[in-house]
């Protein structure tokens, strides 16, 4: 009855690694690290949040107005040449590129 049970080293390493992982998770849970990381924190009260929201809305409105002004300025630009001249004087590379894109 001298039966020897042989366990491969790889199996021992896998079991040892799993045991270490379980012990690490257990230690994190018992020390409260997981609970502290998962708990919600309120940093600002409702009035502060309302002030921040109003400031953000003003910033968005100001950015929108600046974008609209920029579009108006671009549309008001006068070209040095007419649109017909600009389209007639298209460089050869642009014409060949358009053919490649279409085909």
C-alpha atoms as a PDB file:
ATOM      1  CA  UNK A   1       0.000   0.000   0.000  1.00  0.00           C
ATOM      2  CA  UNK A   2       2.770   2.383  -0.860  1.00  0.00           C
ATOM      3  CA  UNK A   3       0.830   4.238  -3.500  1.00  0.00           C
ATOM      4  CA  UNK A   4       2.458   7.539  -4.301  1.00  0.00           C
ATOM      5  CA  UNK A   5       0.273  10.356  -5.548  1.00  0.00           C
ATOM      6  CA  UNK A   6       2.137  12.601  -7.935  1.00  0.00           C
ATOM      7  CA  UNK A   7       0.835  16.123  -8.468  1.00  0.00           C
ATOM      8  CA  UNK A   8       2.304  18.065 -11.364  1.00  0.00           C
ATOM      9  CA  UNK A   9       4.136  21.264 -10.469  1.00  0.00           C
ATOM     10  CA  UNK A  10       1.926  23.303 -12.774  1.00  0.00           C
ATOM     11  CA  UNK A  11      -1.142  22.225 -10.815  1.00  0.00           C
ATOM     12  CA  UNK A  12       0.553  23.221  -7.578  1.00  0.00           C
ATOM     13  CA  UNK A  13       1.407  26.647  -8.994  1.00  0.00           C
ATOM     14  CA  UNK A  14      -2.160  27.191 -10.219  1.00  0.00           C
ATOM     15  CA  UNK A  15      -3.624  26.182  -6.861  1.00  0.00           C
ATOM     16  CA  UNK A  16      -1.109  28.344  -4.973  1.00  0.00           C
ATOM     17  CA  UNK A  17      -1.855  31.326  -7.233  1.00  0.00           C
ATOM     18  CA  UNK A  18      -5.603  30.919  -6.779  1.00  0.00           C
ATOM     19  CA  UNK A  19      -5.141  30.662  -3.002  1.00  0.00           C
ATOM     20  CA  UNK A  20      -3.048  33.850  -2.952  1.00  0.00           C
ATOM     21  CA  UNK A  21      -5.680  35.668  -5.056  1.00  0.00           C
ATOM     22  CA  UNK A  22      -8.478  34.577  -2.728  1.00  0.00           C
ATOM     23  CA  UNK A  23      -6.487  35.645   0.329  1.00  0.00           C
ATOM     24  CA  UNK A  24      -5.740  39.031  -1.258  1.00  0.00           C
ATOM     25  CA  UNK A  25      -9.406  39.664  -2.064  1.00  0.00           C
ATOM     26  CA  UNK A  26     -10.392  38.554   1.422  1.00  0.00           C
ATOM     27  CA  UNK A  27      -7.830  40.931   2.957  1.00  0.00           C
ATOM     28  CA  UNK A  28      -9.117  43.836   0.848  1.00  0.00           C
ATOM     29  CA  UNK A  29     -12.710  43.148   1.867  1.00  0.00           C
ATOM     30  CA  UNK A  30     -11.915  42.739   5.559  1.00  0.00           C
ATOM     31  CA  UNK A  31      -9.843  45.926   5.735  1.00  0.00           C
ATOM     32  CA  UNK A  32     -12.661  47.937   4.156  1.00  0.00           C
ATOM     33  CA  UNK A  33     -10.717  49.060   1.106  1.00  0.00           C
ATOM     34  CA  UNK A  34     -13.400  47.774  -1.247  1.00  0.00           C
ATOM     35  CA  UNK A  35     -16.195  49.418   0.752  1.00  0.00           C
ATOM     36  CA  UNK A  36     -14.408  52.787   0.836  1.00  0.00           C
ATOM     37  CA  UNK A  37     -13.713  52.651  -2.894  1.00  0.00           C
ATOM     38  CA  UNK A  38     -17.326  51.770  -3.726  1.00  0.00           C
ATOM     39  CA  UNK A  39     -19.097  54.246  -1.463  1.00  0.00           C
ATOM     40  CA  UNK A  40     -20.550  57.386  -2.997  1.00  0.00           C
ATOM     41  CA  UNK A  41     -19.133  60.673  -1.814  1.00  0.00           C
ATOM     42  CA  UNK A  42     -20.911  63.994  -1.945  1.00  0.00           C
ATOM     43  CA  UNK A  43     -18.407  66.759  -2.361  1.00  0.00           C
ATOM     44  CA  UNK A  44     -20.731  69.682  -3.058  1.00  0.00           C
ATOM     45  CA  UNK A  45     -24.212  70.560  -1.846  1.00  0.00           C
ATOM     46  CA  UNK A  46     -27.154  71.400  -4.110  1.00  0.00           C
ATOM     47  CA  UNK A  47     -26.546  75.152  -4.236  1.00  0.00           C
ATOM     48  CA  UNK A  48     -22.909  74.709  -5.285  1.00  0.00           C
ATOM     49  CA  UNK A  49     -23.947  72.244  -7.968  1.00  0.00           C
ATOM     50  CA  UNK A  50     -26.576  74.701  -9.207  1.00  0.00           C
ATOM     51  CA  UNK A  51     -23.931  77.450  -9.453  1.00  0.00           C
ATOM     52  CA  UNK A  52     -21.596  75.125 -11.364  1.00  0.00           C
ATOM     53  CA  UNK A  53     -24.406  74.110 -13.707  1.00  0.00           C
ATOM     54  CA  UNK A  54     -25.249  77.754 -14.417  1.00  0.00           C
ATOM     55  CA  UNK A  55     -21.591  78.534 -15.124  1.00  0.00           C
ATOM     56  CA  UNK A  56     -21.323  75.555 -17.479  1.00  0.00           C
ATOM     57  CA  UNK A  57     -24.492  76.625 -19.307  1.00  0.00           C
ATOM     58  CA  UNK A  58     -23.103  80.164 -19.718  1.00  0.00           C
ATOM     59  CA  UNK A  59     -19.865  78.711 -21.118  1.00  0.00           C
ATOM     60  CA  UNK A  60     -21.763  76.581 -23.628  1.00  0.00           C
ATOM     61  CA  UNK A  61     -23.905  79.573 -24.632  1.00  0.00           C
ATOM     62  CA  UNK A  62     -20.824  81.778 -25.062  1.00  0.00           C
ATOM     63  CA  UNK A  63     -19.082  79.124 -27.171  1.00  0.00           C
ATOM     64  CA  UNK A  64     -22.179  78.735 -29.351  1.00  0.00           C
ATOM     65  CA  UNK A  65     -22.393  82.501 -29.894  1.00  0.00           C
ATOM     66  CA  UNK A  66     -18.702  82.624 -30.842  1.00  0.00           C
ATOM     67  CA  UNK A  67     -19.208  79.778 -33.326  1.00  0.00           C
ATOM     68  CA  UNK A  68     -22.192  81.572 -34.887  1.00  0.00           C
ATOM     69  CA  UNK A  69     -20.147  84.779 -35.176  1.00  0.00           C
ATOM     70  CA  UNK A  70     -17.323  82.859 -36.821  1.00  0.00           C
ATOM     71  CA  UNK A  71     -19.696  81.329 -39.371  1.00  0.00           C
ATOM     72  CA  UNK A  72     -21.094  84.801 -40.157  1.00  0.00           C
ATOM     73  CA  UNK A  73     -17.573  86.152 -40.660  1.00  0.00           C
ATOM     74  CA  UNK A  74     -16.654  83.312 -42.988  1.00  0.00           C
ATOM     75  CA  UNK A  75     -19.819  83.781 -45.038  1.00  0.00           C
ATOM     76  CA  UNK A  76     -19.138  87.512 -45.293  1.00  0.00           C
ATOM     77  CA  UNK A  77     -15.668  87.021 -46.776  1.00  0.00           C
ATOM     78  CA  UNK A  78     -15.224  88.322 -50.308  1.00  0.00           C
ATOM     79  CA  UNK A  79     -13.125  86.214 -52.586  1.00  0.00           C
ATOM     80  CA  UNK A  80     -10.447  87.930 -54.630  1.00  0.00           C
ATOM     81  CA  UNK A  81     -11.844  86.122 -57.654  1.00  0.00           C
ATOM     82  CA  UNK A  82     -15.339  85.038 -58.553  1.00  0.00           C
ATOM     83  CA  UNK A  83     -16.625  81.560 -57.853  1.00  0.00           C
ATOM     84  CA  UNK A  84     -16.675  80.799 -61.592  1.00  0.00           C
ATOM     85  CA  UNK A  85     -13.004  81.791 -61.906  1.00  0.00           C
ATOM     86  CA  UNK A  86     -12.078  79.713 -58.893  1.00  0.00           C
ATOM     87  CA  UNK A  87     -13.754  76.618 -60.301  1.00  0.00           C
ATOM     88  CA  UNK A  88     -12.214  77.189 -63.750  1.00  0.00           C
ATOM     89  CA  UNK A  89      -8.696  77.515 -62.362  1.00  0.00           C
ATOM     90  CA  UNK A  90      -8.749  74.220 -60.506  1.00  0.00           C
ATOM     91  CA  UNK A  91      -5.289  72.636 -60.426  1.00  0.00           C
ATOM     92  CA  UNK A  92      -4.701  69.439 -62.365  1.00  0.00           C
ATOM     93  CA  UNK A  93      -4.052  67.426 -59.216  1.00  0.00           C
ATOM     94  CA  UNK A  94      -7.441  68.304 -57.778  1.00  0.00           C
ATOM     95  CA  UNK A  95      -9.213  67.262 -60.991  1.00  0.00           C
ATOM     96  CA  UNK A  96      -7.409  63.925 -61.131  1.00  0.00           C
ATOM     97  CA  UNK A  97      -8.092  63.339 -57.438  1.00  0.00           C
ATOM     98  CA  UNK A  98     -11.801  63.888 -57.998  1.00  0.00           C
ATOM     99  CA  UNK A  99     -11.741  61.284 -60.750  1.00  0.00           C
ATOM    100  CA  UNK A 100     -10.039  58.810 -58.411  1.00  0.00           C
ATOM    101  CA  UNK A 101     -12.579  59.455 -55.664  1.00  0.00           C
ATOM    102  CA  UNK A 102     -15.508  58.974 -58.062  1.00  0.00           C
ATOM    103  CA  UNK A 103     -14.081  55.910 -59.756  1.00  0.00           C
END
